[in-house]
Structures are given as C-alpha cells and as structure tokens.
Amino acid sequence: LSIMRYAAIHWEKKNAVLGGMSELSVMRLSGAMLIVLSVVLAITN
C-alpha cells in the first residue's frame, strides 16, 4: 500500500498536468494490486 501511495504521489509531482489516460493507468495498476492483495489476505486470514 505504501508503494501504491508513493507511486501515485510521485506521479502527480512528476506530471503537474496529467492527461486522463495517464491517471487512468495509475488507477488500473492500483486496482490490479488490490485484487491480488485481497486474495492473499483472505488466504492468510
């Protein structure tokens, strides 16, 4: 989660004006990681 948050904040700092597709890529990547994390946490629980 720290890596995901850092990536989003760093992306914003590197791109003062972001296009919609660039932000969308960040969202999709974060979503994919959340899906994997949800499965791992369920198994661990």
All heavy atoms as atom14 arrays in JSON, in Angstrom:
{
  "sequence": "LSIMRYAAIHWEKKNAVLGGMSELSVMRLSGAMLIVLSVVLAITN",
  "atom14_mask": [
    [1, 1, 1, 1, 1, 1, 1, 1, 0, 0, 0, 0, 0, 0],
    [1, 1, 1, 1, 1, 1, 0, 0, 0, 0, 0, 0, 0, 0],
    [1, 1, 1, 1, 1, 1, 1, 1, 0, 0, 0, 0, 0, 0],
    [1, 1, 1, 1, 1, 1, 1, 1, 0, 0, 0, 0, 0, 0],
    [1, 1, 1, 1, 1, 1, 1, 1, 1, 1, 1, 0, 0, 0],
    [1, 1, 1, 1, 1, 1, 1, 1, 1, 1, 1, 1, 0, 0],
    [1, 1, 1, 1, 1, 0, 0, 0, 0, 0, 0, 0, 0, 0],
    [1, 1, 1, 1, 1, 0, 0, 0, 0, 0, 0, 0, 0, 0],
    [1, 1, 1, 1, 1, 1, 1, 1, 0, 0, 0, 0, 0, 0],
    [1, 1, 1, 1, 1, 1, 1, 1, 1, 1, 0, 0, 0, 0],
    [1, 1, 1, 1, 1, 1, 1, 1, 1, 1, 1, 1, 1, 1],
    [1, 1, 1, 1, 1, 1, 1, 1, 1, 0, 0, 0, 0, 0],
    [1, 1, 1, 1, 1, 1, 1, 1, 1, 0, 0, 0, 0, 0],
    [1, 1, 1, 1, 1, 1, 1, 1, 1, 0, 0, 0, 0, 0],
    [1, 1, 1, 1, 1, 1, 1, 1, 0, 0, 0, 0, 0, 0],
    [1, 1, 1, 1, 1, 0, 0, 0, 0, 0, 0, 0, 0, 0],
    [1, 1, 1, 1, 1, 1, 1, 0, 0, 0, 0, 0, 0, 0],
    [1, 1, 1, 1, 1, 1, 1, 1, 0, 0, 0, 0, 0, 0],
    [1, 1, 1, 1, 0, 0, 0, 0, 0, 0, 0, 0, 0, 0],
    [1, 1, 1, 1, 0, 0, 0, 0, 0, 0, 0, 0, 0, 0],
    [1, 1, 1, 1, 1, 1, 1, 1, 0, 0, 0, 0, 0, 0],
    [1, 1, 1, 1, 1, 1, 0, 0, 0, 0, 0, 0, 0, 0],
    [1, 1, 1, 1, 1, 1, 1, 1, 1, 0, 0, 0, 0, 0],
    [1, 1, 1, 1, 1, 1, 1, 1, 0, 0, 0, 0, 0, 0],
    [1, 1, 1, 1, 1, 1, 0, 0, 0, 0, 0, 0, 0, 0],
    [1, 1, 1, 1, 1, 1, 1, 0, 0, 0, 0, 0, 0, 0],
    [1, 1, 1, 1, 1, 1, 1, 1, 0, 0, 0, 0, 0, 0],
    [1, 1, 1, 1, 1, 1, 1, 1, 1, 1, 1, 0, 0, 0],
    [1, 1, 1, 1, 1, 1, 1, 1, 0, 0, 0, 0, 0, 0],
    [1, 1, 1, 1, 1, 1, 0, 0, 0, 0, 0, 0, 0, 0],
    [1, 1, 1, 1, 0, 0, 0, 0, 0, 0, 0, 0, 0, 0],
    [1, 1, 1, 1, 1, 0, 0, 0, 0, 0, 0, 0, 0, 0],
    [1, 1, 1, 1, 1, 1, 1, 1, 0, 0, 0, 0, 0, 0],
    [1, 1, 1, 1, 1, 1, 1, 1, 0, 0, 0, 0, 0, 0],
    [1, 1, 1, 1, 1, 1, 1, 1, 0, 0, 0, 0, 0, 0],
    [1, 1, 1, 1, 1, 1, 1, 0, 0, 0, 0, 0, 0, 0],
    [1, 1, 1, 1, 1, 1, 1, 1, 0, 0, 0, 0, 0, 0],
    [1, 1, 1, 1, 1, 1, 0, 0, 0, 0, 0, 0, 0, 0],
    [1, 1, 1, 1, 1, 1, 1, 0, 0, 0, 0, 0, 0, 0],
    [1, 1, 1, 1, 1, 1, 1, 0, 0, 0, 0, 0, 0, 0],
    [1, 1, 1, 1, 1, 1, 1, 1, 0, 0, 0, 0, 0, 0],
    [1, 1, 1, 1, 1, 0, 0, 0, 0, 0, 0, 0, 0, 0],
    [1, 1, 1, 1, 1, 1, 1, 1, 0, 0, 0, 0, 0, 0],
    [1, 1, 1, 1, 1, 1, 1, 0, 0, 0, 0, 0, 0, 0],
    [1, 1, 1, 1, 1, 1, 1, 1, 0, 0, 0, 0, 0, 0]
  ],
  "atom14_positions": [
    [[0.84, -1.2, 0.0], [0.0, 0.0, 0.0], [0.88, 1.26, 0.0], [0.55, 2.26, -0.66], [-0.91, 0.02, 1.22], [-2.19, -0.82, 1.17], [-3.02, -0.56, 2.42], [-3.01, -0.53, -0.07], [0.0, 0.0, 0.0], [0.0, 0.0, 0.0], [0.0, 0.0, 0.0], [0.0, 0.0, 0.0], [0.0, 0.0, 0.0], [0.0, 0.0, 0.0]],
    [[1.98, 1.22, 0.74], [2.9, 2.36, 0.76], [3.48, 2.61, -0.63], [3.58, 3.77, -1.08], [4.05, 2.09, 1.75], [3.56, 1.92, 3.06], [0.0, 0.0, 0.0], [0.0, 0.0, 0.0], [0.0, 0.0, 0.0], [0.0, 0.0, 0.0], [0.0, 0.0, 0.0], [0.0, 0.0, 0.0], [0.0, 0.0, 0.0], [0.0, 0.0, 0.0]],
    [[3.84, 1.53, -1.32], [4.38, 1.67, -2.67], [3.33, 2.26, -3.61], [3.62, 3.14, -4.43], [4.85, 0.3, -3.21], [6.05, -0.19, -2.38], [5.23, 0.39, -4.68], [6.48, -1.61, -2.7], [0.0, 0.0, 0.0], [0.0, 0.0, 0.0], [0.0, 0.0, 0.0], [0.0, 0.0, 0.0], [0.0, 0.0, 0.0], [0.0, 0.0, 0.0]],
    [[2.08, 1.8, -3.47], [1.0, 2.31, -4.31], [0.76, 3.79, -4.06], [0.59, 4.59, -5.0], [-0.27, 1.51, -4.03], [-0.21, 0.05, -4.49], [-1.55, -0.97, -3.81], [-2.97, -0.24, -4.61], [0.0, 0.0, 0.0], [0.0, 0.0, 0.0], [0.0, 0.0, 0.0], [0.0, 0.0, 0.0], [0.0, 0.0, 0.0], [0.0, 0.0, 0.0]],
    [[0.72, 4.18, -2.79], [0.5, 5.59, -2.46], [1.68, 6.45, -2.94], [1.48, 7.54, -3.5], [0.32, 5.75, -0.95], [-1.12, 5.52, -0.49], [-1.28, 5.97, 0.94], [-2.68, 6.16, 1.28], [-3.31, 5.49, 2.24], [-2.68, 4.57, 2.92], [-4.58, 5.73, 2.49], [0.0, 0.0, 0.0], [0.0, 0.0, 0.0], [0.0, 0.0, 0.0]],
    [[2.89, 5.95, -2.73], [4.07, 6.71, -3.17], [4.06, 6.88, -4.68], [4.37, 7.97, -5.19], [5.35, 6.0, -2.73], [6.6, 6.65, -3.29], [7.11, 7.82, -2.71], [7.23, 6.13, -4.41], [8.23, 8.44, -3.23], [8.35, 6.74, -4.93], [8.85, 7.89, -4.35], [9.96, 8.5, -4.88], [0.0, 0.0, 0.0], [0.0, 0.0, 0.0]],
    [[3.72, 5.81, -5.41], [3.69, 5.87, -6.87], [2.7, 6.93, -7.35], [2.98, 7.7, -8.27], [3.33, 4.5, -7.44], [0.0, 0.0, 0.0], [0.0, 0.0, 0.0], [0.0, 0.0, 0.0], [0.0, 0.0, 0.0], [0.0, 0.0, 0.0], [0.0, 0.0, 0.0], [0.0, 0.0, 0.0], [0.0, 0.0, 0.0], [0.0, 0.0, 0.0]],
    [[1.52, 6.98, -6.71], [0.5, 7.96, -7.1], [0.96, 9.39, -6.82], [0.82, 10.29, -7.66], [-0.8, 7.67, -6.37], [0.0, 0.0, 0.0], [0.0, 0.0, 0.0], [0.0, 0.0, 0.0], [0.0, 0.0, 0.0], [0.0, 0.0, 0.0], [0.0, 0.0, 0.0], [0.0, 0.0, 0.0], [0.0, 0.0, 0.0], [0.0, 0.0, 0.0]],
    [[1.54, 9.61, -5.62], [2.01, 10.95, -5.26], [3.18, 11.36, -6.15], [3.25, 12.5, -6.63], [2.43, 10.98, -3.78], [1.2, 10.72, -2.88], [3.05, 12.33, -3.42], [1.55, 10.52, -1.43], [0.0, 0.0, 0.0], [0.0, 0.0, 0.0], [0.0, 0.0, 0.0], [0.0, 0.0, 0.0], [0.0, 0.0, 0.0], [0.0, 0.0, 0.0]],
    [[4.11, 10.43, -6.4], [5.27, 10.71, -7.24], [4.83, 11.03, -8.67], [5.37, 11.92, -9.32], [6.22, 9.51, -7.23], [7.47, 9.72, -8.02], [8.45, 10.61, -7.63], [7.9, 9.15, -9.18], [9.43, 10.59, -8.52], [9.12, 9.71, -9.46], [0.0, 0.0, 0.0], [0.0, 0.0, 0.0], [0.0, 0.0, 0.0], [0.0, 0.0, 0.0]],
    [[3.83, 10.3, -9.15], [3.29, 10.54, -10.48], [2.75, 11.96, -10.59], [2.96, 12.64, -11.58], [2.18, 9.53, -10.76], [1.77, 9.42, -12.21], [1.08, 10.32, -12.95], [2.05, 8.33, -13.08], [0.88, 9.87, -14.23], [1.47, 8.64, -14.34], [2.7, 7.1, -12.93], [1.54, 7.78, -15.44], [2.76, 6.24, -14.02], [2.21, 6.58, -15.25]],
    [[2.04, 12.38, -9.56], [1.48, 13.74, -9.55], [2.59, 14.79, -9.56], [2.5, 15.79, -10.28], [0.59, 13.92, -8.32], [0.14, 15.35, -8.06], [-0.89, 15.84, -9.06], [-1.37, 15.03, -9.87], [-1.2, 17.04, -9.03], [0.0, 0.0, 0.0], [0.0, 0.0, 0.0], [0.0, 0.0, 0.0], [0.0, 0.0, 0.0], [0.0, 0.0, 0.0]],
    [[3.64, 14.58, -8.79], [4.73, 15.55, -8.72], [5.5, 15.62, -10.03], [5.97, 16.68, -10.43], [5.68, 15.19, -7.58], [5.08, 15.38, -6.19], [6.05, 15.0, -5.11], [7.23, 15.96, -5.06], [8.14, 15.64, -3.94], [0.0, 0.0, 0.0], [0.0, 0.0, 0.0], [0.0, 0.0, 0.0], [0.0, 0.0, 0.0], [0.0, 0.0, 0.0]],
    [[5.62, 14.49, -10.71], [6.37, 14.45, -11.97], [5.53, 14.99, -13.12], [6.07, 15.37, -14.16], [6.78, 13.01, -12.3], [7.78, 12.42, -11.33], [9.22, 12.71, -11.73], [9.6, 11.94, -12.97], [11.04, 12.11, -13.3], [0.0, 0.0, 0.0], [0.0, 0.0, 0.0], [0.0, 0.0, 0.0], [0.0, 0.0, 0.0], [0.0, 0.0, 0.0]],
    [[4.22, 15.01, -12.95], [3.32, 15.44, -14.02], [2.34, 16.47, -13.47], [1.28, 16.13, -12.98], [2.54, 14.25, -14.59], [3.46, 13.18, -15.14], [3.84, 13.21, -16.3], [3.82, 12.22, -14.31], [0.0, 0.0, 0.0], [0.0, 0.0, 0.0], [0.0, 0.0, 0.0], [0.0, 0.0, 0.0], [0.0, 0.0, 0.0], [0.0, 0.0, 0.0]],
    [[2.72, 17.72, -13.51], [1.87, 18.78, -12.95], [0.52, 18.81, -13.65], [-0.51, 19.09, -13.05], [2.56, 20.13, -13.09], [0.0, 0.0, 0.0], [0.0, 0.0, 0.0], [0.0, 0.0, 0.0], [0.0, 0.0, 0.0], [0.0, 0.0, 0.0], [0.0, 0.0, 0.0], [0.0, 0.0, 0.0], [0.0, 0.0, 0.0], [0.0, 0.0, 0.0]],
    [[0.53, 18.52, -14.96], [-0.72, 18.45, -15.7], [-0.78, 17.08, -16.34], [-0.1, 16.8, -17.31], [-0.8, 19.55, -16.79], [-2.12, 19.44, -17.54], [-0.63, 20.93, -16.18], [0.0, 0.0, 0.0], [0.0, 0.0, 0.0], [0.0, 0.0, 0.0], [0.0, 0.0, 0.0], [0.0, 0.0, 0.0], [0.0, 0.0, 0.0], [0.0, 0.0, 0.0]],
    [[-1.63, 16.21, -15.82], [-1.71, 14.84, -16.3], [-2.87, 14.67, -17.27], [-3.93, 15.24, -17.07], [-1.92, 13.88, -15.12], [-0.71, 13.65, -14.22], [-1.12, 12.82, -13.03], [0.4, 12.96, -14.97], [0.0, 0.0, 0.0], [0.0, 0.0, 0.0], [0.0, 0.0, 0.0], [0.0, 0.0, 0.0], [0.0, 0.0, 0.0], [0.0, 0.0, 0.0]],
    [[-2.65, 13.88, -18.28], [-3.74, 13.53, -19.17], [-4.61, 12.48, -18.52], [-4.17, 11.74, -17.64], [0.0, 0.0, 0.0], [0.0, 0.0, 0.0], [0.0, 0.0, 0.0], [0.0, 0.0, 0.0], [0.0, 0.0, 0.0], [0.0, 0.0, 0.0], [0.0, 0.0, 0.0], [0.0, 0.0, 0.0], [0.0, 0.0, 0.0], [0.0, 0.0, 0.0]],
    [[-5.88, 12.38, -18.97], [-6.8, 11.42, -18.38], [-6.3, 9.99, -18.46], [-6.44, 9.22, -17.54], [0.0, 0.0, 0.0], [0.0, 0.0, 0.0], [0.0, 0.0, 0.0], [0.0, 0.0, 0.0], [0.0, 0.0, 0.0], [0.0, 0.0, 0.0], [0.0, 0.0, 0.0], [0.0, 0.0, 0.0], [0.0, 0.0, 0.0], [0.0, 0.0, 0.0]],
    [[-5.64, 9.62, -19.61], [-5.2, 8.25, -19.78], [-4.07, 7.92, -18.82], [-3.97, 6.79, -18.33], [-4.74, 8.03, -21.23], [-4.56, 6.58, -21.6], [-6.12, 5.68, -21.39], [-5.52, 4.0, -21.4], [0.0, 0.0, 0.0], [0.0, 0.0, 0.0], [0.0, 0.0, 0.0], [0.0, 0.0, 0.0], [0.0, 0.0, 0.0], [0.0, 0.0, 0.0]],
    [[-3.19, 8.87, -18.54], [-2.08, 8.62, -17.61], [-2.61, 8.33, -16.22], [-2.16, 7.4, -15.55], [-1.15, 9.85, -17.58], [-0.56, 10.06, -18.84], [0.0, 0.0, 0.0], [0.0, 0.0, 0.0], [0.0, 0.0, 0.0], [0.0, 0.0, 0.0], [0.0, 0.0, 0.0], [0.0, 0.0, 0.0], [0.0, 0.0, 0.0], [0.0, 0.0, 0.0]],
    [[-3.56, 9.11, -15.77], [-4.17, 8.88, -14.47], [-4.93, 7.55, -14.47], [-4.94, 6.83, -13.47], [-5.12, 10.03, -14.11], [-4.42, 11.34, -13.81], [-5.36, 12.35, -13.17], [-6.55, 12.02, -12.99], [-4.91, 13.46, -12.85], [0.0, 0.0, 0.0], [0.0, 0.0, 0.0], [0.0, 0.0, 0.0], [0.0, 0.0, 0.0], [0.0, 0.0, 0.0]],
    [[-5.56, 7.24, -15.56], [-6.31, 6.0, -15.67], [-5.39, 4.79, -15.55], [-5.75, 3.76, -14.96], [-7.07, 5.96, -17.0], [-7.99, 4.76, -17.23], [-9.03, 4.65, -16.12], [-8.68, 4.87, -18.58], [0.0, 0.0, 0.0], [0.0, 0.0, 0.0], [0.0, 0.0, 0.0], [0.0, 0.0, 0.0], [0.0, 0.0, 0.0], [0.0, 0.0, 0.0]],
    [[-4.18, 4.91, -16.09], [-3.2, 3.82, -15.97], [-2.82, 3.58, -14.52], [-2.69, 2.44, -14.09], [-1.95, 4.15, -16.8], [-2.27, 4.28, -18.16], [0.0, 0.0, 0.0], [0.0, 0.0, 0.0], [0.0, 0.0, 0.0], [0.0, 0.0, 0.0], [0.0, 0.0, 0.0], [0.0, 0.0, 0.0], [0.0, 0.0, 0.0], [0.0, 0.0, 0.0]],
    [[-2.65, 4.67, -13.77], [-2.34, 4.55, -12.35], [-3.48, 3.85, -11.62], [-3.26, 2.96, -10.79], [-2.09, 5.95, -11.73], [-1.89, 5.83, -10.23], [-0.88, 6.6, -12.37], [0.0, 0.0, 0.0], [0.0, 0.0, 0.0], [0.0, 0.0, 0.0], [0.0, 0.0, 0.0], [0.0, 0.0, 0.0], [0.0, 0.0, 0.0], [0.0, 0.0, 0.0]],
    [[-4.72, 4.23, -11.95], [-5.87, 3.62, -11.31], [-5.94, 2.12, -11.61], [-6.16, 1.3, -10.71], [-7.16, 4.29, -11.75], [-8.42, 3.57, -11.27], [-9.95, 4.31, -11.88], [-10.16, 5.6, -10.66], [0.0, 0.0, 0.0], [0.0, 0.0, 0.0], [0.0, 0.0, 0.0], [0.0, 0.0, 0.0], [0.0, 0.0, 0.0], [0.0, 0.0, 0.0]],
    [[-5.76, 1.75, -12.85], [-5.88, 0.35, -13.23], [-4.79, -0.51, -12.58], [-5.05, -1.63, -12.13], [-5.82, 0.22, -14.75], [-7.1, 0.69, -15.44], [-6.96, 0.68, -16.94], [-8.23, 0.98, -17.61], [-8.35, 1.26, -18.89], [-7.26, 1.27, -19.67], [-9.53, 1.51, -19.42], [0.0, 0.0, 0.0], [0.0, 0.0, 0.0], [0.0, 0.0, 0.0]],
    [[-3.57, 0.03, -12.54], [-2.48, -0.71, -11.9], [-2.76, -0.89, -10.41], [-2.56, -1.98, -9.85], [-1.16, 0.04, -12.1], [0.07, -0.57, -11.43], [0.31, -1.99, -11.95], [1.29, 0.31, -11.65], [0.0, 0.0, 0.0], [0.0, 0.0, 0.0], [0.0, 0.0, 0.0], [0.0, 0.0, 0.0], [0.0, 0.0, 0.0], [0.0, 0.0, 0.0]],
    [[-3.23, 0.17, -9.75], [-3.56, 0.08, -8.33], [-4.69, -0.92, -8.09], [-4.67, -1.69, -7.13], [-3.99, 1.46, -7.8], [-2.94, 2.4, -7.94], [0.0, 0.0, 0.0], [0.0, 0.0, 0.0], [0.0, 0.0, 0.0], [0.0, 0.0, 0.0], [0.0, 0.0, 0.0], [0.0, 0.0, 0.0], [0.0, 0.0, 0.0], [0.0, 0.0, 0.0]],
    [[-5.68, -0.93, -8.99], [-6.78, -1.87, -8.86], [-6.32, -3.31, -8.97], [-6.77, -4.18, -8.21], [0.0, 0.0, 0.0], [0.0, 0.0, 0.0], [0.0, 0.0, 0.0], [0.0, 0.0, 0.0], [0.0, 0.0, 0.0], [0.0, 0.0, 0.0], [0.0, 0.0, 0.0], [0.0, 0.0, 0.0], [0.0, 0.0, 0.0], [0.0, 0.0, 0.0]],
    [[-5.42, -3.58, -9.91], [-4.89, -4.94, -10.08], [-4.16, -5.39, -8.83], [-4.29, -6.55, -8.39], [-3.97, -4.99, -11.29], [0.0, 0.0, 0.0], [0.0, 0.0, 0.0], [0.0, 0.0, 0.0], [0.0, 0.0, 0.0], [0.0, 0.0, 0.0], [0.0, 0.0, 0.0], [0.0, 0.0, 0.0], [0.0, 0.0, 0.0], [0.0, 0.0, 0.0]],
    [[-3.4, -4.48, -8.21], [-2.68, -4.83, -6.99], [-3.64, -5.08, -5.83], [-3.41, -5.98, -5.01], [-1.68, -3.71, -6.65], [-0.58, -3.55, -7.68], [0.57, -2.2, -7.3], [1.48, -2.92, -5.94], [0.0, 0.0, 0.0], [0.0, 0.0, 0.0], [0.0, 0.0, 0.0], [0.0, 0.0, 0.0], [0.0, 0.0, 0.0], [0.0, 0.0, 0.0]],
    [[-4.72, -4.33, -5.78], [-5.71, -4.54, -4.72], [-6.39, -5.91, -4.86], [-6.68, -6.57, -3.87], [-6.77, -3.44, -4.74], [-6.36, -2.08, -4.16], [-7.52, -1.1, -4.24], [-5.87, -2.2, -2.73], [0.0, 0.0, 0.0], [0.0, 0.0, 0.0], [0.0, 0.0, 0.0], [0.0, 0.0, 0.0], [0.0, 0.0, 0.0], [0.0, 0.0, 0.0]],
    [[-6.64, -6.32, -6.1], [-7.24, -7.64, -6.32], [-6.33, -8.74, -5.79], [-6.78, -9.66, -5.09], [-7.52, -7.84, -7.82], [-8.64, -6.91, -8.29], [-7.91, -9.3, -8.1], [-8.87, -6.92, -9.79], [0.0, 0.0, 0.0], [0.0, 0.0, 0.0], [0.0, 0.0, 0.0], [0.0, 0.0, 0.0], [0.0, 0.0, 0.0], [0.0, 0.0, 0.0]],
    [[-5.05, -8.64, -6.12], [-4.08, -9.64, -5.64], [-3.99, -9.62, -4.12], [-3.99, -10.67, -3.46], [-2.69, -9.38, -6.26], [-1.65, -10.32, -5.65], [-2.73, -9.56, -7.77], [0.0, 0.0, 0.0], [0.0, 0.0, 0.0], [0.0, 0.0, 0.0], [0.0, 0.0, 0.0], [0.0, 0.0, 0.0], [0.0, 0.0, 0.0], [0.0, 0.0, 0.0]],
    [[-3.95, -8.42, -3.53], [-3.85, -8.3, -2.08], [-5.07, -8.87, -1.38], [-4.96, -9.48, -0.31], [-3.68, -6.82, -1.71], [-2.3, -6.21, -1.95], [-2.31, -4.73, -1.62], [-1.22, -6.92, -1.14], [0.0, 0.0, 0.0], [0.0, 0.0, 0.0], [0.0, 0.0, 0.0], [0.0, 0.0, 0.0], [0.0, 0.0, 0.0], [0.0, 0.0, 0.0]],
    [[-6.26, -8.68, -1.97], [-7.47, -9.2, -1.33], [-7.43, -10.72, -1.25], [-7.82, -11.3, -0.22], [-8.71, -8.74, -2.12], [-8.77, -9.35, -3.39], [0.0, 0.0, 0.0], [0.0, 0.0, 0.0], [0.0, 0.0, 0.0], [0.0, 0.0, 0.0], [0.0, 0.0, 0.0], [0.0, 0.0, 0.0], [0.0, 0.0, 0.0], [0.0, 0.0, 0.0]],
    [[-6.96, -11.37, -2.29], [-6.87, -12.84, -2.3], [-5.84, -13.32, -1.28], [-6.08, -14.25, -0.51], [-6.51, -13.35, -3.71], [-6.3, -14.86, -3.69], [-7.6, -12.98, -4.7], [0.0, 0.0, 0.0], [0.0, 0.0, 0.0], [0.0, 0.0, 0.0], [0.0, 0.0, 0.0], [0.0, 0.0, 0.0], [0.0, 0.0, 0.0], [0.0, 0.0, 0.0]],
    [[-4.68, -12.66, -1.27], [-3.62, -13.06, -0.33], [-4.08, -12.9, 1.12], [-3.85, -13.79, 1.95], [-2.35, -12.21, -0.58], [-1.31, -12.48, 0.5], [-1.77, -12.52, -1.95], [0.0, 0.0, 0.0], [0.0, 0.0, 0.0], [0.0, 0.0, 0.0], [0.0, 0.0, 0.0], [0.0, 0.0, 0.0], [0.0, 0.0, 0.0], [0.0, 0.0, 0.0]],
    [[-4.75, -11.8, 1.43], [-5.22, -11.57, 2.79], [-6.3, -12.57, 3.19], [-6.33, -13.02, 4.34], [-5.75, -10.14, 2.93], [-4.69, -9.07, 3.18], [-5.32, -7.69, 3.15], [-3.97, -9.29, 4.48], [0.0, 0.0, 0.0], [0.0, 0.0, 0.0], [0.0, 0.0, 0.0], [0.0, 0.0, 0.0], [0.0, 0.0, 0.0], [0.0, 0.0, 0.0]],
    [[-7.18, -12.91, 2.26], [-8.23, -13.89, 2.57], [-7.61, -15.25, 2.92], [-8.0, -15.89, 3.91], [-9.17, -14.04, 1.38], [0.0, 0.0, 0.0], [0.0, 0.0, 0.0], [0.0, 0.0, 0.0], [0.0, 0.0, 0.0], [0.0, 0.0, 0.0], [0.0, 0.0, 0.0], [0.0, 0.0, 0.0], [0.0, 0.0, 0.0], [0.0, 0.0, 0.0]],
    [[-6.63, -15.67, 2.14], [-5.96, -16.95, 2.4], [-5.21, -16.9, 3.73], [-5.28, -17.84, 4.54], [-5.0, -17.29, 1.25], [-5.79, -17.52, -0.05], [-4.17, -18.53, 1.59], [-4.93, -17.69, -1.27], [0.0, 0.0, 0.0], [0.0, 0.0, 0.0], [0.0, 0.0, 0.0], [0.0, 0.0, 0.0], [0.0, 0.0, 0.0], [0.0, 0.0, 0.0]],
    [[-4.52, -15.78, 3.97], [-3.76, -15.64, 5.21], [-4.67, -15.64, 6.43], [-4.35, -16.22, 7.46], [-2.95, -14.33, 5.18], [-2.13, -14.31, 4.01], [-2.07, -14.22, 6.42], [0.0, 0.0, 0.0], [0.0, 0.0, 0.0], [0.0, 0.0, 0.0], [0.0, 0.0, 0.0], [0.0, 0.0, 0.0], [0.0, 0.0, 0.0], [0.0, 0.0, 0.0]],
    [[-5.82, -14.97, 6.31], [-6.79, -14.93, 7.41], [-7.25, -16.33, 7.78], [-7.33, -16.69, 8.96], [-7.98, -14.06, 7.0], [-8.94, -13.81, 8.15], [-8.52, -13.53, 9.28], [-10.23, -13.9, 7.88], [0.0, 0.0, 0.0], [0.0, 0.0, 0.0], [0.0, 0.0, 0.0], [0.0, 0.0, 0.0], [0.0, 0.0, 0.0], [0.0, 0.0, 0.0]]
  ]
}
